[in-house]
């Protein structure tokens, strides 16, 4: 590595110089040692995921079968992933293959765990990722349970139509806001 990082050495012939100095056998042995040390087999995160999955599996079937989630347009990928997990849990002949799992719900921080190789999906990591994303979306109110008091649709209680038009002036006065959008935009610009 010191030879590769030495800016004084010319780039042409660098491979020959490295192999001549270190030797191909030693270089291959060092690469094998690095690969072994960096192997995911000893990865503590893999063990943590495995134990977390065991905990989640205790309540997941009841959660998948018992609660219906709805959401904002931003939550559409998450709701598709949730529906996929429901189909997996239901089983039967119509169960989709894990390779068909919706991928847009998986953020970059989870991608390496969920998709270890091209075309492969780690079912445990995918499930944990979706459950974590569901928890985040519930806290942000992007996903809600229509029949819940605490996790209901936050927009369900908003006034609409004629009721909003009737209350609009008093709401604006209460909030000390103008009904003129140009006035409000000027205030925001300042």
Foldseek 3Di string as FASTA:
>chain_A
DVLVPPPVDDPPPSVVVVCVVQNPVNVVVVVVVVCVVPPCVPPVVVVVLVVVLVVCVVCVVCVLPPFDKDFDPVCVLLNQQSVLVSLCSVDDPPNDDPLPRRDPLADPVLCCVQPVDPSDGDVSSSVVSSVVSVVVCQVVLRMAGCPDDNRHRPCPPPDDDPVCVVCVVVVCVVVVHDPDVVVVVVVVVD
